[in-house]
């Protein structure tokens, strides 16, 4: 939690900070499915 606060503090611009924060909050309630993150080369 502390590392994320430091990361947000170092990001330039309020819009970027809000985007990252909203993404983290959404990920808390709806974690990524491992199947969606694996990309297979065919």
PDB file of N, CA and C in Angstrom:
ATOM      1  N   UNK A   1       0.828  -1.197   0.000  1.00  0.00           N
ATOM      2  CA  UNK A   1       0.000   0.000   0.000  1.00  0.00           C
ATOM      3  C   UNK A   1       0.870   1.257   0.000  1.00  0.00           C
ATOM      4  N   UNK A   2       1.939   1.211   0.786  1.00  0.00           N
ATOM      5  CA  UNK A   2       2.824   2.379   0.861  1.00  0.00           C
ATOM      6  C   UNK A   2       3.556   2.595  -0.467  1.00  0.00           C
ATOM      7  N   UNK A   3       3.974   1.499  -1.117  1.00  0.00           N
ATOM      8  CA  UNK A   3       4.667   1.635  -2.400  1.00  0.00           C
ATOM      9  C   UNK A   3       3.751   2.234  -3.457  1.00  0.00           C
ATOM     10  N   UNK A   4       2.496   1.868  -3.409  1.00  0.00           N
ATOM     11  CA  UNK A   4       1.550   2.435  -4.379  1.00  0.00           C
ATOM     12  C   UNK A   4       1.343   3.921  -4.140  1.00  0.00           C
ATOM     13  N   UNK A   5       1.323   4.327  -2.884  1.00  0.00           N
ATOM     14  CA  UNK A   5       1.185   5.751  -2.562  1.00  0.00           C
ATOM     15  C   UNK A   5       2.404   6.527  -3.062  1.00  0.00           C
ATOM     16  N   UNK A   6       3.585   5.955  -2.896  1.00  0.00           N
ATOM     17  CA  UNK A   6       4.806   6.603  -3.392  1.00  0.00           C
ATOM     18  C   UNK A   6       4.766   6.687  -4.920  1.00  0.00           C
ATOM     19  N   UNK A   7       4.341   5.602  -5.561  1.00  0.00           N
ATOM     20  CA  UNK A   7       4.242   5.575  -7.025  1.00  0.00           C
ATOM     21  C   UNK A   7       3.286   6.662  -7.517  1.00  0.00           C
ATOM     22  N   UNK A   8       2.122   6.770  -6.865  1.00  0.00           N
ATOM     23  CA  UNK A   8       1.162   7.804  -7.260  1.00  0.00           C
ATOM     24  C   UNK A   8       1.743   9.197  -7.068  1.00  0.00           C
ATOM     25  N   UNK A   9       2.494   9.387  -6.001  1.00  0.00           N
ATOM     26  CA  UNK A   9       3.084  10.686  -5.738  1.00  0.00           C
ATOM     27  C   UNK A   9       4.105  11.100  -6.783  1.00  0.00           C
ATOM     28  N   UNK A  10       4.773  10.132  -7.388  1.00  0.00           N
ATOM     29  CA  UNK A  10       5.798  10.436  -8.385  1.00  0.00           C
ATOM     30  C   UNK A  10       5.243  10.571  -9.802  1.00  0.00           C
ATOM     31  N   UNK A  11       3.997  10.171 -10.009  1.00  0.00           N
ATOM     32  CA  UNK A  11       3.401  10.308 -11.339  1.00  0.00           C
ATOM     33  C   UNK A  11       3.123  11.778 -11.642  1.00  0.00           C
ATOM     34  N   UNK A  12       3.454  12.214 -12.859  1.00  0.00           N
ATOM     35  CA  UNK A  12       3.154  13.603 -13.223  1.00  0.00           C
ATOM     36  C   UNK A  12       1.683  13.758 -13.635  1.00  0.00           C
ATOM     37  N   UNK A  13       1.079  14.820 -13.235  1.00  0.00           N
ATOM     38  CA  UNK A  13      -0.280  15.134 -13.671  1.00  0.00           C
ATOM     39  C   UNK A  13      -1.364  14.456 -12.859  1.00  0.00           C
ATOM     40  N   UNK A  14      -2.381  15.202 -12.537  1.00  0.00           N
ATOM     41  CA  UNK A  14      -3.493  14.687 -11.748  1.00  0.00           C
ATOM     42  C   UNK A  14      -4.298  13.648 -12.515  1.00  0.00           C
ATOM     43  N   UNK A  15      -4.487  13.869 -13.822  1.00  0.00           N
ATOM     44  CA  UNK A  15      -5.291  12.937 -14.621  1.00  0.00           C
ATOM     45  C   UNK A  15      -4.666  11.544 -14.635  1.00  0.00           C
ATOM     46  N   UNK A  16      -3.359  11.484 -14.782  1.00  0.00           N
ATOM     47  CA  UNK A  16      -2.671  10.206 -14.801  1.00  0.00           C
ATOM     48  C   UNK A  16      -2.775   9.501 -13.445  1.00  0.00           C
ATOM     49  N   UNK A  17      -2.647  10.274 -12.370  1.00  0.00           N
ATOM     50  CA  UNK A  17      -2.765   9.712 -11.018  1.00  0.00           C
ATOM     51  C   UNK A  17      -4.145   9.123 -10.793  1.00  0.00           C
ATOM     52  N   UNK A  18      -5.169   9.845 -11.237  1.00  0.00           N
ATOM     53  CA  UNK A  18      -6.543   9.374 -11.063  1.00  0.00           C
ATOM     54  C   UNK A  18      -6.779   8.110 -11.869  1.00  0.00           C
ATOM     55  N   UNK A  19      -6.261   8.061 -13.100  1.00  0.00           N
ATOM     56  CA  UNK A  19      -6.429   6.862 -13.938  1.00  0.00           C
ATOM     57  C   UNK A  19      -5.817   5.631 -13.289  1.00  0.00           C
ATOM     58  N   UNK A  20      -4.592   5.777 -12.783  1.00  0.00           N
ATOM     59  CA  UNK A  20      -3.912   4.648 -12.155  1.00  0.00           C
ATOM     60  C   UNK A  20      -4.662   4.219 -10.900  1.00  0.00           C
ATOM     61  N   UNK A  21      -5.086   5.166 -10.093  1.00  0.00           N
ATOM     62  CA  UNK A  21      -5.810   4.856  -8.865  1.00  0.00           C
ATOM     63  C   UNK A  21      -7.122   4.142  -9.154  1.00  0.00           C
ATOM     64  N   UNK A  22      -7.857   4.615 -10.147  1.00  0.00           N
ATOM     65  CA  UNK A  22      -9.129   3.972 -10.516  1.00  0.00           C
ATOM     66  C   UNK A  22      -8.867   2.559 -11.034  1.00  0.00           C
ATOM     67  N   UNK A  23      -7.811   2.377 -11.798  1.00  0.00           N
ATOM     68  CA  UNK A  23      -7.457   1.040 -12.279  1.00  0.00           C
ATOM     69  C   UNK A  23      -7.153   0.090 -11.138  1.00  0.00           C
ATOM     70  N   UNK A  24      -6.433   0.581 -10.125  1.00  0.00           N
ATOM     71  CA  UNK A  24      -6.125  -0.266  -8.962  1.00  0.00           C
ATOM     72  C   UNK A  24      -7.383  -0.619  -8.183  1.00  0.00           C
ATOM     73  N   UNK A  25      -8.285   0.343  -8.035  1.00  0.00           N
ATOM     74  CA  UNK A  25      -9.527   0.088  -7.299  1.00  0.00           C
ATOM     75  C   UNK A  25     -10.391  -0.933  -8.039  1.00  0.00           C
ATOM     76  N   UNK A  26     -10.494  -0.788  -9.349  1.00  0.00           N
ATOM     77  CA  UNK A  26     -11.275  -1.748 -10.140  1.00  0.00           C
ATOM     78  C   UNK A  26     -10.661  -3.142 -10.036  1.00  0.00           C
ATOM     79  N   UNK A  27      -9.338  -3.218 -10.053  1.00  0.00           N
ATOM     80  CA  UNK A  27      -8.660  -4.512  -9.965  1.00  0.00           C
ATOM     81  C   UNK A  27      -8.887  -5.182  -8.608  1.00  0.00           C
ATOM     82  N   UNK A  28      -9.125  -4.400  -7.562  1.00  0.00           N
ATOM     83  CA  UNK A  28      -9.437  -4.979  -6.252  1.00  0.00           C
ATOM     84  C   UNK A  28     -10.735  -5.775  -6.287  1.00  0.00           C
ATOM     85  N   UNK A  29     -11.744  -5.217  -6.961  1.00  0.00           N
ATOM     86  CA  UNK A  29     -13.057  -5.850  -7.000  1.00  0.00           C
ATOM     87  C   UNK A  29     -13.201  -6.853  -8.145  1.00  0.00           C
ATOM     88  N   UNK A  30     -12.492  -6.625  -9.226  1.00  0.00           N
ATOM     89  CA  UNK A  30     -12.561  -7.500 -10.393  1.00  0.00           C
ATOM     90  C   UNK A  30     -11.145  -7.865 -10.831  1.00  0.00           C
ATOM     91  N   UNK A  31     -10.515  -8.837 -10.147  1.00  0.00           N
ATOM     92  CA  UNK A  31      -9.133  -9.191 -10.507  1.00  0.00           C
ATOM     93  C   UNK A  31      -9.054  -9.754 -11.924  1.00  0.00           C
ATOM     94  N   UNK A  32      -7.900  -9.577 -12.525  1.00  0.00           N
ATOM     95  CA  UNK A  32      -7.699 -10.074 -13.888  1.00  0.00           C
ATOM     96  C   UNK A  32      -7.713 -11.592 -13.894  1.00  0.00           C
ATOM     97  N   UNK A  33      -8.296 -12.132 -14.923  1.00  0.00           N
ATOM     98  CA  UNK A  33      -8.320 -13.579 -15.099  1.00  0.00           C
ATOM     99  C   UNK A  33      -7.014 -13.989 -15.755  1.00  0.00           C
ATOM    100  N   UNK A  34      -6.362 -15.016 -15.240  1.00  0.00           N
ATOM    101  CA  UNK A  34      -5.058 -15.444 -15.756  1.00  0.00           C
ATOM    102  C   UNK A  34      -5.150 -15.848 -17.227  1.00  0.00           C
ATOM    103  N   UNK A  35      -6.304 -16.328 -17.646  1.00  0.00           N
ATOM    104  CA  UNK A  35      -6.472 -16.738 -19.037  1.00  0.00           C
ATOM    105  C   UNK A  35      -6.377 -15.524 -19.963  1.00  0.00           C
ATOM    106  N   UNK A  36      -6.830 -14.376 -19.513  1.00  0.00           N
ATOM    107  CA  UNK A  36      -6.803 -13.171 -20.341  1.00  0.00           C
ATOM    108  C   UNK A  36      -5.398 -12.586 -20.457  1.00  0.00           C
ATOM    109  N   UNK A  37      -4.519 -12.877 -19.514  1.00  0.00           N
ATOM    110  CA  UNK A  37      -3.211 -12.270 -19.537  1.00  0.00           C
ATOM    111  C   UNK A  37      -2.177 -13.098 -20.296  1.00  0.00           C
ATOM    112  N   UNK A  38      -2.473 -14.358 -20.582  1.00  0.00           N
ATOM    113  CA  UNK A  38      -1.523 -15.213 -21.306  1.00  0.00           C
ATOM    114  C   UNK A  38      -1.815 -15.102 -22.801  1.00  0.00           C
ATOM    115  N   UNK A  39      -0.767 -14.773 -23.551  1.00  0.00           N
ATOM    116  CA  UNK A  39      -0.921 -14.653 -24.994  1.00  0.00           C
ATOM    117  C   UNK A  39      -0.114 -15.775 -25.642  1.00  0.00           C
ATOM    118  N   UNK A  40      -0.767 -16.572 -26.440  1.00  0.00           N
ATOM    119  CA  UNK A  40      -0.111 -17.694 -27.100  1.00  0.00           C
ATOM    120  C   UNK A  40       0.249 -17.319 -28.529  1.00  0.00           C
ATOM    121  N   UNK A  41       1.472 -17.624 -28.930  1.00  0.00           N
ATOM    122  CA  UNK A  41       1.887 -17.398 -30.322  1.00  0.00           C
ATOM    123  C   UNK A  41       1.524 -18.649 -31.123  1.00  0.00           C
ATOM    124  N   UNK A  42       0.777 -18.452 -32.197  1.00  0.00           N
ATOM    125  CA  UNK A  42       0.392 -19.595 -33.031  1.00  0.00           C
ATOM    126  C   UNK A  42       0.881 -19.396 -34.427  1.00  0.00           C
TER     127      UNK A  42
END
